[in-house]
Amino acid sequence: MSTTLVLTVLLAYFLVLILIGFITTRKVTSESFFTANRNSPWYLVAFGMIGTTLSGVTFISIPGEVGNTHWTYLTLVFGNCVGYIVIAVVLLPLFYKLNLVSIYSWLGTRFGEKARLTGSFFFILSQLIGASFRLFLVVGVLQLAFFDAVGIPFAVTVFITIAFVWIYTVKGGIKTIVWTDTLQTLFILISVGLTMYVVNKALDFNFSSALAAIKESPLSRVFDFDWRSGQNTIKQFLAGIAITVCLNGLDQNMMQKNLTCRSLRDCKTNMFTFSFFFLVTNVLFLMLGALLYLYAEREGIILPGKSDDVFPFLSLNYFGTTAGLFFLLGITAAAYSSVDSSLTSLTTSFCIDFLKIDPGNKEGKRKRIGVHVVFSLLMIFVVILFRELNNSSVISALFKAVGYTYGPLLGLFAFGLTTRFRVREKYLPIVCVVSPILSYVINCYSEQLLFGYKFGFEILLFNGMLCYLGLLSIRTNERW
């Protein structure tokens, strides 16, 4: 692909996002940034959330991972769908009834100010590092595909990327993101669909013969009942529920979109519809992964050693200019739909929980813009830091470690919803810090300590349980 063509397509894409930002910010109020005036159509929110959920990491990882763990990821997705039902039935009515802007305000009501700040802190830490990690991987792909060819340094690429996000989110915030995420989800699905079409054509498959070939292949294995395996079906299913409740229901990034819907009924309809779209989209990614490996086997292509490189390698080298361009657009859309949401939710959480800005107060606008700038710069700094570390194992370990910080959020909300106990508030931050550290240590030595048992994603459940037990140990006789 020529660099001129890539530049033209990417610039056109970014300009469309900025145009959407301009259109959606006409006649906005101070509250629009945080809540979109609670007037978002549920179907746009549902469709756009697919792009946010499928980050750039997921976009390239799911197809590639099929070569390692086959379709066992699907049991995790089934658990995810159950988790979305839990969110719709349990959490959405609570958050919507209280008219929350930051969902961690409920922790303040339930346990006290330290609980609210602790919950918000863990979210900010997780979201800042997690979003930066996802952006780091995607910018790396764009750097190789285009920016290196024109001599633009990595740091400048990162700055340009964040600058575009800042431009179209700084004024409209979540109101703009509801619309831009819809466009970005569309590009993700087009990219996957076009790649599947190209591969099927090369293999001389139609849709039914492609399904038959995938079914006959060992790559389509879904179930794993080895209790020691990290892909054990039961563990994956339960972990899928916990991951969804934490990373969607207890995450300001995802819940902020849901709470922009016009009514609780719309919120629930959005969540149920999204869960269906989510399942279908993940099945498409798994089908694509199987087809990529079948294509490589048929053509005798030697694939990269890392599974994450399989989809980019084939798309940019074997599937032609159009498919390659839409791959770049797809991964860019996946990255942007994740980063813009993260940046907005980080700004919201800090403004509401730490600065206590009134969403409807115009005087808080200057502070909010300042916070938006600071988090943009922090994200740039963290991405460049990852690059300077130049150690993929260290960076991946850091990303995985940040996932442990959702355990305390699970424990806090679970304890608050299932008991009436108050706690000794001064010890609450200590419990929330100790539980992920202890979980991490136990996970590292689980095979020695637990007779060969190896934790998978269910470590999040274990983490939340430790936090729950810790809160139980510091309870008081006072009831809420």
Protein backbone atom coordinates (compact mmCIF):
# COMPACT_ATOMS: atom_id res chain seq x y z
CA MET A 1 0.00 0.00 0.00
CA SER A 2 1.28 3.46 -0.85
CA THR A 3 1.88 5.82 2.05
CA THR A 4 -0.10 8.52 0.26
CA LEU A 5 -3.18 6.30 0.09
CA VAL A 6 -2.88 5.28 3.74
CA LEU A 7 -2.44 8.91 4.82
CA THR A 8 -5.44 10.04 2.75
CA VAL A 9 -7.73 7.37 4.18
CA LEU A 10 -6.64 7.92 7.80
CA LEU A 11 -6.93 11.70 7.53
CA ALA A 12 -10.38 11.37 5.99
CA TYR A 13 -11.41 9.10 8.85
CA PHE A 14 -10.12 11.49 11.50
CA LEU A 15 -11.80 14.45 9.82
CA VAL A 16 -15.14 12.60 9.85
CA LEU A 17 -14.75 12.03 13.61
CA ILE A 18 -13.99 15.72 14.14
CA LEU A 19 -16.98 16.68 11.98
CA ILE A 20 -19.24 14.46 14.10
CA GLY A 21 -17.78 16.13 17.18
CA PHE A 22 -18.58 19.56 15.73
CA ILE A 23 -22.16 18.62 14.80
CA THR A 24 -22.96 16.98 18.14
CA THR A 25 -21.62 19.87 20.23
CA ARG A 26 -23.93 22.52 18.88
CA LYS A 27 -26.12 23.90 21.67
CA VAL A 28 -24.45 21.70 24.28
CA THR A 29 -24.70 22.49 27.97
CA SER A 30 -22.13 21.90 30.71
CA GLU A 31 -24.01 18.74 31.64
CA SER A 32 -23.77 17.32 28.11
CA PHE A 33 -20.12 16.33 28.57
CA PHE A 34 -20.99 14.05 31.50
CA THR A 35 -24.50 12.77 30.77
CA ALA A 36 -25.42 13.76 27.16
CA ASN A 37 -28.49 15.31 28.85
CA ARG A 38 -29.73 11.70 29.30
CA ASN A 39 -31.21 11.84 25.83
CA SER A 40 -29.26 9.22 23.83
CA PRO A 41 -31.20 6.77 21.62
CA TRP A 42 -30.74 3.30 23.16
CA TYR A 43 -30.04 1.63 19.81
CA LEU A 44 -27.09 3.94 19.09
CA VAL A 45 -25.66 3.28 22.55
CA ALA A 46 -26.08 -0.49 22.11
CA PHE A 47 -24.39 -0.55 18.70
CA GLY A 48 -21.60 1.83 19.68
CA MET A 49 -20.74 -0.12 22.81
CA ILE A 50 -19.54 -3.01 20.62
CA GLY A 51 -16.65 -0.85 19.42
CA THR A 52 -15.80 0.23 22.96
CA THR A 53 -15.84 -3.36 24.23
CA LEU A 54 -13.71 -4.61 21.34
CA SER A 55 -10.52 -2.64 21.90
CA GLY A 56 -7.63 -2.70 19.46
CA VAL A 57 -6.05 -5.47 21.54
CA THR A 58 -9.18 -7.61 21.25
CA PHE A 59 -9.47 -6.81 17.55
CA ILE A 60 -6.16 -8.49 16.77
CA SER A 61 -6.00 -10.95 19.69
CA ILE A 62 -9.23 -12.96 19.33
CA PRO A 63 -8.55 -14.17 15.75
CA GLY A 64 -4.91 -14.94 16.54
CA GLU A 65 -5.66 -16.74 19.82
CA VAL A 66 -7.81 -19.27 17.93
CA GLY A 67 -4.55 -20.96 16.97
CA ASN A 68 -3.66 -21.46 20.65
CA THR A 69 -6.92 -22.06 22.53
CA HIS A 70 -9.31 -22.75 19.62
CA TRP A 71 -12.88 -21.61 20.35
CA THR A 72 -12.70 -22.05 24.14
CA TYR A 73 -12.95 -18.25 24.40
CA LEU A 74 -16.62 -18.63 23.45
CA THR A 75 -17.50 -20.00 26.91
CA LEU A 76 -16.12 -16.78 28.37
CA VAL A 77 -18.37 -14.84 25.99
CA PHE A 78 -21.39 -16.88 27.17
CA GLY A 79 -20.51 -15.83 30.71
CA ASN A 80 -20.19 -12.24 29.52
CA CYS A 81 -23.77 -12.34 28.20
CA VAL A 82 -25.07 -13.58 31.56
CA GLY A 83 -23.09 -10.76 33.20
CA TYR A 84 -24.89 -8.21 31.02
CA ILE A 85 -28.21 -9.60 32.25
CA VAL A 86 -27.00 -9.14 35.85
CA ILE A 87 -26.05 -5.54 35.07
CA ALA A 88 -29.45 -4.84 33.50
CA VAL A 89 -31.41 -6.38 36.37
CA VAL A 90 -29.31 -5.36 39.40
CA LEU A 91 -27.04 -2.40 38.71
CA LEU A 92 -28.82 -0.27 36.12
CA PRO A 93 -31.97 0.23 38.27
CA LEU A 94 -29.77 1.27 41.21
CA PHE A 95 -27.60 3.74 39.29
CA TYR A 96 -30.47 5.18 37.25
CA LYS A 97 -32.73 5.62 40.27
CA LEU A 98 -30.04 7.64 42.08
CA ASN A 99 -29.42 9.75 38.95
CA LEU A 100 -25.67 9.15 39.23
CA VAL A 101 -23.05 10.78 37.04
CA SER A 102 -20.11 8.91 38.56
CA ILE A 103 -21.15 5.43 39.71
CA TYR A 104 -18.61 5.60 42.54
CA SER A 105 -20.78 8.22 44.22
CA TRP A 106 -22.88 5.28 45.42
CA LEU A 107 -19.88 3.93 47.35
CA GLY A 108 -19.71 7.27 49.16
CA THR A 109 -23.38 7.02 50.07
CA ARG A 110 -23.00 3.42 51.21
CA PHE A 111 -19.68 3.46 53.07
CA GLY A 112 -18.37 7.02 53.24
CA GLU A 113 -16.07 9.43 51.44
CA LYS A 114 -12.98 7.20 51.60
CA ALA A 115 -14.84 4.39 49.84
CA ARG A 116 -15.89 6.72 47.03
CA LEU A 117 -12.34 8.02 46.54
CA THR A 118 -10.88 4.51 46.79
CA GLY A 119 -13.25 3.15 44.15
CA SER A 120 -12.61 6.09 41.85
CA PHE A 121 -8.83 5.80 42.36
CA PHE A 122 -8.79 2.12 41.39
CA PHE A 123 -10.86 2.89 38.31
CA ILE A 124 -8.60 5.78 37.26
CA LEU A 125 -5.45 3.68 37.74
CA SER A 126 -6.90 0.73 35.81
CA GLN A 127 -8.33 2.83 33.00
CA LEU A 128 -5.27 5.03 32.51
CA ILE A 129 -2.79 2.16 32.25
CA GLY A 130 -5.20 -0.19 30.45
CA ALA A 131 -6.18 2.37 27.81
CA SER A 132 -2.56 3.39 27.33
CA PHE A 133 -1.53 -0.24 26.85
CA ARG A 134 -4.21 -0.81 24.23
CA LEU A 135 -3.23 2.40 22.46
CA PHE A 136 0.44 1.41 22.60
CA LEU A 137 -0.19 -1.82 20.70
CA VAL A 138 -2.36 -0.17 18.05
CA VAL A 139 -0.03 2.78 17.51
CA GLY A 140 2.75 0.22 17.02
CA VAL A 141 0.80 -1.30 14.12
CA LEU A 142 0.12 2.13 12.57
CA GLN A 143 3.78 3.06 13.04
CA LEU A 144 4.93 0.04 11.06
CA ALA A 145 2.20 0.39 8.43
CA PHE A 146 2.66 4.09 7.71
CA PHE A 147 4.44 6.48 10.06
CA ASP A 148 7.87 4.84 9.90
CA ALA A 149 7.75 5.09 6.11
CA VAL A 150 7.36 8.89 6.23
CA GLY A 151 9.87 9.38 9.04
CA ILE A 152 7.47 10.38 11.81
CA PRO A 153 8.80 9.34 15.27
CA PHE A 154 6.72 7.15 17.59
CA ALA A 155 6.28 9.93 20.17
CA VAL A 156 4.84 12.27 17.52
CA THR A 157 2.47 9.52 16.35
CA VAL A 158 1.17 9.11 19.89
CA PHE A 159 0.75 12.88 20.31
CA ILE A 160 -1.15 13.17 17.02
CA THR A 161 -3.41 10.25 17.96
CA ILE A 162 -4.33 11.68 21.37
CA ALA A 163 -4.67 15.19 19.93
CA PHE A 164 -7.36 14.01 17.51
CA VAL A 165 -9.23 12.30 20.37
CA TRP A 166 -8.96 15.44 22.50
CA ILE A 167 -10.28 17.66 19.71
CA TYR A 168 -13.53 15.79 19.17
CA THR A 169 -14.22 14.92 22.84
CA VAL A 170 -13.22 18.05 24.77
CA LYS A 171 -16.52 19.85 24.26
CA GLY A 172 -19.19 17.21 23.77
CA GLY A 173 -17.70 14.43 25.87
CA ILE A 174 -20.03 11.46 26.20
CA LYS A 175 -22.63 13.05 23.91
CA THR A 176 -20.14 13.03 21.03
CA ILE A 177 -18.81 9.58 21.87
CA VAL A 178 -22.24 7.94 21.59
CA TRP A 179 -22.22 8.96 17.90
CA THR A 180 -18.53 8.46 17.07
CA ASP A 181 -18.57 4.98 18.62
CA THR A 182 -21.42 4.04 16.30
CA LEU A 183 -19.32 4.96 13.26
CA GLN A 184 -16.28 3.19 14.67
CA THR A 185 -18.22 0.00 15.38
CA LEU A 186 -19.40 0.05 11.78
CA PHE A 187 -15.80 0.20 10.52
CA ILE A 188 -14.78 -2.67 12.82
CA LEU A 189 -17.55 -4.90 11.48
CA ILE A 190 -16.83 -3.93 7.85
CA SER A 191 -13.17 -4.78 8.37
CA VAL A 192 -13.99 -8.23 9.78
CA GLY A 193 -16.65 -8.92 7.15
CA LEU A 194 -14.42 -7.86 4.25
CA THR A 195 -11.52 -9.99 5.49
CA MET A 196 -13.80 -13.02 5.82
CA TYR A 197 -15.05 -12.43 2.28
CA VAL A 198 -11.49 -12.24 0.90
CA VAL A 199 -10.39 -15.39 2.75
CA ASN A 200 -13.52 -17.33 1.72
CA LYS A 201 -12.97 -16.32 -1.90
CA ALA A 202 -9.34 -17.43 -1.76
CA LEU A 203 -10.36 -20.78 -0.25
CA ASP A 204 -13.28 -21.12 -2.69
CA PHE A 205 -15.75 -21.21 0.20
CA ASN A 206 -19.28 -19.89 0.45
CA PHE A 207 -20.79 -19.20 3.86
CA SER A 208 -22.10 -22.75 4.40
CA SER A 209 -18.90 -24.47 3.24
CA ALA A 210 -16.85 -22.12 5.44
CA LEU A 211 -18.96 -23.13 8.43
CA ALA A 212 -18.50 -26.81 7.54
CA ALA A 213 -14.71 -26.41 7.22
CA ILE A 214 -14.50 -24.62 10.58
CA LYS A 215 -16.67 -27.27 12.24
CA GLU A 216 -14.48 -30.09 10.93
CA SER A 217 -11.30 -28.33 12.02
CA PRO A 218 -9.88 -28.94 15.53
CA LEU A 219 -9.73 -25.14 15.81
CA SER A 220 -13.48 -25.08 16.54
CA ARG A 221 -13.16 -26.95 19.86
CA VAL A 222 -15.26 -25.03 22.41
CA PHE A 223 -15.27 -27.04 25.64
CA ASP A 224 -12.38 -27.90 27.97
CA PHE A 225 -13.22 -29.81 31.16
CA ASP A 226 -9.68 -30.20 32.52
CA TRP A 227 -10.04 -28.60 35.97
CA ARG A 228 -6.39 -27.54 35.99
CA SER A 229 -6.58 -25.75 32.64
CA GLY A 230 -6.81 -21.98 32.37
CA GLN A 231 -9.43 -22.51 29.64
CA ASN A 232 -11.65 -24.82 31.70
CA THR A 233 -15.24 -24.31 30.54
CA ILE A 234 -16.79 -23.78 33.97
CA LYS A 235 -14.03 -21.43 35.09
CA GLN A 236 -14.28 -19.46 31.84
CA PHE A 237 -18.06 -19.14 32.14
CA LEU A 238 -17.97 -17.93 35.76
CA ALA A 239 -15.06 -15.63 35.03
CA GLY A 240 -16.98 -14.20 32.07
CA ILE A 241 -19.80 -13.19 34.40
CA ALA A 242 -17.38 -11.57 36.88
CA ILE A 243 -15.38 -9.80 34.17
CA THR A 244 -18.51 -8.30 32.64
CA VAL A 245 -19.93 -7.14 35.97
CA CYS A 246 -16.59 -5.52 36.86
CA LEU A 247 -15.34 -4.20 33.53
CA ASN A 248 -18.79 -3.04 32.40
CA GLY A 249 -21.15 -2.75 35.35
CA LEU A 250 -18.62 -1.33 37.84
CA ASP A 251 -16.63 0.62 35.28
CA GLN A 252 -17.38 4.31 34.76
CA ASN A 253 -16.27 4.04 31.15
CA MET A 254 -19.04 1.64 30.12
CA MET A 255 -21.77 2.66 32.55
CA GLN A 256 -21.51 6.32 31.62
CA LYS A 257 -22.85 5.46 28.17
CA ASN A 258 -25.73 3.39 29.55
CA LEU A 259 -26.79 6.18 31.87
CA THR A 260 -27.17 8.60 28.94
CA CYS A 261 -30.30 6.73 27.78
CA ARG A 262 -33.65 8.45 28.14
CA SER A 263 -35.19 6.08 30.70
CA LEU A 264 -34.43 2.99 32.75
CA ARG A 265 -36.46 0.97 30.27
CA ASP A 266 -34.24 2.24 27.44
CA CYS A 267 -31.15 1.42 29.52
CA LYS A 268 -32.28 -2.18 29.95
CA THR A 269 -33.30 -2.53 26.30
CA ASN A 270 -29.89 -1.19 25.31
CA MET A 271 -28.10 -3.71 27.53
CA PHE A 272 -30.08 -6.74 26.33
CA THR A 273 -29.67 -5.71 22.68
CA PHE A 274 -25.98 -5.05 23.11
CA SER A 275 -25.40 -8.47 24.71
CA PHE A 276 -26.88 -10.11 21.59
CA PHE A 277 -24.71 -7.99 19.25
CA PHE A 278 -21.71 -8.73 21.45
CA LEU A 279 -22.21 -12.49 21.15
CA VAL A 280 -22.65 -12.35 17.37
CA THR A 281 -19.60 -10.11 16.91
CA ASN A 282 -17.35 -12.39 18.96
CA VAL A 283 -18.53 -15.43 16.99
CA LEU A 284 -17.55 -13.57 13.80
CA PHE A 285 -14.08 -12.87 15.21
CA LEU A 286 -13.66 -16.54 16.14
CA MET A 287 -14.81 -17.62 12.68
CA LEU A 288 -12.33 -15.19 11.16
CA GLY A 289 -9.54 -16.61 13.31
CA ALA A 290 -10.25 -20.18 12.19
CA LEU A 291 -10.39 -19.08 8.54
CA LEU A 292 -7.06 -17.26 8.84
CA TYR A 293 -5.33 -20.40 10.06
CA LEU A 294 -7.04 -22.56 7.41
CA TYR A 295 -5.91 -20.09 4.75
CA ALA A 296 -2.32 -20.06 6.02
CA GLU A 297 -2.26 -23.85 6.09
CA ARG A 298 -3.67 -24.13 2.56
CA GLU A 299 -1.21 -21.56 1.15
CA GLY A 300 1.80 -22.86 3.11
CA ILE A 301 2.36 -19.49 4.79
CA ILE A 302 4.72 -19.41 7.77
CA LEU A 303 2.92 -17.35 10.39
CA PRO A 304 4.57 -15.07 12.98
CA GLY A 305 5.45 -16.63 16.32
CA LYS A 306 3.13 -14.32 18.28
CA SER A 307 -0.57 -15.01 17.77
CA ASP A 308 -1.35 -11.28 18.02
CA ASP A 309 0.63 -10.73 14.81
CA VAL A 310 -1.31 -13.25 12.70
CA PHE A 311 -4.25 -11.04 11.68
CA PRO A 312 -2.12 -7.92 10.93
CA PHE A 313 0.51 -10.00 9.08
CA LEU A 314 -1.97 -11.65 6.72
CA SER A 315 -4.12 -8.55 6.19
CA LEU A 316 -1.24 -6.26 5.29
CA ASN A 317 0.68 -8.76 3.17
CA TYR A 318 -1.74 -11.20 1.51
CA PHE A 319 -5.29 -9.83 1.26
CA GLY A 320 -4.84 -6.90 -1.11
CA THR A 321 -5.00 -3.12 -0.79
CA THR A 322 -8.70 -2.77 0.04
CA ALA A 323 -8.70 -5.39 2.79
CA GLY A 324 -5.43 -3.98 4.15
CA LEU A 325 -6.84 -0.45 4.30
CA PHE A 326 -10.00 -1.62 6.04
CA PHE A 327 -7.87 -3.59 8.50
CA LEU A 328 -6.06 -0.36 9.39
CA LEU A 329 -9.37 1.47 9.64
CA GLY A 330 -10.81 -1.34 11.76
CA ILE A 331 -7.94 -1.41 14.23
CA THR A 332 -7.85 2.40 14.33
CA ALA A 333 -11.59 2.48 15.01
CA ALA A 334 -11.21 -0.15 17.73
CA ALA A 335 -8.43 1.87 19.35
CA TYR A 336 -10.22 5.20 19.12
CA SER A 337 -13.56 3.87 20.39
CA SER A 338 -11.71 2.59 23.45
CA VAL A 339 -9.42 5.57 24.03
CA ASP A 340 -12.02 8.32 23.56
CA SER A 341 -14.36 6.60 26.02
CA SER A 342 -11.52 6.08 28.50
CA LEU A 343 -10.40 9.70 28.29
CA THR A 344 -13.94 10.98 28.84
CA SER A 345 -14.66 8.62 31.73
CA LEU A 346 -11.33 9.46 33.41
CA THR A 347 -12.20 13.15 33.20
CA THR A 348 -15.70 12.49 34.52
CA SER A 349 -14.57 10.36 37.45
CA PHE A 350 -11.88 12.80 38.58
CA CYS A 351 -14.12 15.87 38.16
CA ILE A 352 -17.10 14.38 40.00
CA ASP A 353 -15.39 12.27 42.68
CA PHE A 354 -12.27 14.29 43.49
CA LEU A 355 -13.04 17.87 42.44
CA LYS A 356 -16.80 17.51 43.14
CA ILE A 357 -17.76 19.60 40.12
CA ASP A 358 -21.49 20.07 39.62
CA PRO A 359 -22.24 18.75 36.07
CA GLY A 360 -24.72 21.55 35.47
CA ASN A 361 -22.42 24.31 36.71
CA LYS A 362 -20.83 26.38 33.93
CA GLU A 363 -18.10 27.59 36.31
CA GLY A 364 -16.65 24.08 36.42
CA LYS A 365 -16.03 24.04 32.65
CA ARG A 366 -12.50 25.45 32.92
CA LYS A 367 -11.52 22.84 35.51
CA ARG A 368 -13.05 20.07 33.43
CA ILE A 369 -11.10 21.12 30.31
CA GLY A 370 -7.93 21.30 32.40
CA VAL A 371 -8.49 17.76 33.71
CA HIS A 372 -9.15 16.58 30.15
CA VAL A 373 -5.80 18.04 29.06
CA VAL A 374 -3.94 16.51 32.00
CA PHE A 375 -5.28 13.00 31.38
CA SER A 376 -4.47 13.36 27.66
CA LEU A 377 -0.87 14.23 28.53
CA LEU A 378 -0.68 11.42 31.09
CA MET A 379 -1.85 8.93 28.48
CA ILE A 380 0.80 10.17 26.04
CA PHE A 381 3.46 9.84 28.75
CA VAL A 382 2.45 6.28 29.69
CA VAL A 383 2.36 5.10 26.05
CA ILE A 384 5.84 6.54 25.41
CA LEU A 385 7.04 4.97 28.67
CA PHE A 386 5.86 1.56 27.43
CA ARG A 387 7.88 2.14 24.28
CA GLU A 388 10.98 3.09 26.24
CA LEU A 389 10.71 0.00 28.45
CA ASN A 390 11.10 -2.03 25.25
CA ASN A 391 10.23 -5.24 27.12
CA SER A 392 6.98 -6.86 26.00
CA SER A 393 6.91 -9.27 28.96
CA VAL A 394 7.22 -6.43 31.49
CA ILE A 395 4.52 -4.37 29.74
CA SER A 396 2.14 -7.34 29.44
CA ALA A 397 2.71 -8.20 33.12
CA LEU A 398 1.89 -4.61 34.07
CA PHE A 399 -1.30 -4.71 31.99
CA LYS A 400 -2.37 -7.98 33.61
CA ALA A 401 -1.53 -6.64 37.08
CA VAL A 402 -3.78 -3.64 36.50
CA GLY A 403 -6.62 -6.09 35.89
CA TYR A 404 -6.35 -7.06 39.54
CA THR A 405 -7.48 -3.60 40.59
CA TYR A 406 -11.03 -4.41 39.50
CA GLY A 407 -11.24 -7.02 42.28
CA PRO A 408 -11.66 -4.42 45.04
CA LEU A 409 -14.45 -2.76 43.04
CA LEU A 410 -16.22 -6.12 42.78
CA GLY A 411 -15.77 -6.71 46.51
CA LEU A 412 -16.95 -3.21 47.48
CA PHE A 413 -20.10 -3.27 45.39
CA ALA A 414 -20.92 -6.89 46.26
CA PHE A 415 -20.54 -6.22 49.99
CA GLY A 416 -22.59 -3.04 49.73
CA LEU A 417 -25.42 -4.72 47.84
CA THR A 418 -25.64 -8.00 49.80
CA THR A 419 -25.18 -6.77 53.37
CA ARG A 420 -26.38 -3.95 55.57
CA PHE A 421 -23.13 -3.66 57.52
CA ARG A 422 -21.12 -0.49 57.78
CA VAL A 423 -17.34 -0.78 58.00
CA ARG A 424 -14.50 0.93 59.82
CA GLU A 425 -13.82 3.36 57.03
CA LYS A 426 -10.18 4.08 57.89
CA TYR A 427 -9.29 0.44 57.19
CA LEU A 428 -11.24 0.19 53.93
CA PRO A 429 -8.43 1.48 51.63
CA ILE A 430 -6.01 -1.00 53.24
CA VAL A 431 -8.33 -3.94 52.51
CA CYS A 432 -8.71 -2.77 48.91
CA VAL A 433 -4.94 -2.57 48.42
CA VAL A 434 -4.10 -5.87 50.14
CA SER A 435 -6.67 -8.04 48.31
CA PRO A 436 -5.23 -7.61 44.77
CA ILE A 437 -1.65 -7.98 46.03
CA LEU A 438 -2.52 -11.19 47.86
CA SER A 439 -4.44 -12.45 44.81
CA TYR A 440 -1.45 -11.80 42.58
CA VAL A 441 0.94 -13.67 44.88
CA ILE A 442 -1.42 -16.65 45.20
CA ASN A 443 -1.90 -16.73 41.44
CA CYS A 444 1.87 -16.84 40.89
CA TYR A 445 2.23 -19.89 43.14
CA SER A 446 -1.19 -21.52 42.63
CA GLU A 447 0.18 -24.68 41.02
CA GLN A 448 2.43 -25.34 44.02
CA LEU A 449 -0.12 -24.33 46.64
CA LEU A 450 -3.29 -25.77 45.07
CA PHE A 451 -2.17 -29.17 43.75
CA GLY A 452 -1.58 -28.09 40.16
CA TYR A 453 -4.57 -25.75 39.88
CA LYS A 454 -3.93 -22.89 37.49
CA PHE A 455 -5.99 -19.73 37.68
CA GLY A 456 -7.49 -18.25 34.55
CA PHE A 457 -9.77 -15.23 34.34
CA GLU A 458 -11.55 -16.44 37.49
CA ILE A 459 -8.74 -14.86 39.53
CA LEU A 460 -10.97 -11.78 39.43
CA LEU A 461 -13.65 -13.65 41.40
CA PHE A 462 -11.06 -14.78 43.92
CA ASN A 463 -9.76 -11.23 44.23
CA GLY A 464 -13.26 -9.87 44.83
CA MET A 465 -13.92 -12.59 47.41
CA LEU A 466 -10.78 -11.63 49.37
CA CYS A 467 -11.88 -8.00 49.39
CA TYR A 468 -15.39 -9.05 50.48
CA LEU A 469 -13.99 -11.12 53.37
CA GLY A 470 -11.67 -8.26 54.30
CA LEU A 471 -14.62 -5.84 54.49
CA LEU A 472 -16.51 -8.40 56.55
CA SER A 473 -13.61 -8.47 59.02
CA ILE A 474 -13.74 -4.67 59.53
CA ARG A 475 -17.54 -4.41 59.81
CA THR A 476 -19.21 -2.55 62.65
CA ASN A 477 -22.42 -3.23 64.52
CA GLU A 478 -23.96 -0.17 62.89
CA ARG A 479 -26.36 -0.88 60.03
CA TRP A 480 -26.91 1.11 56.87
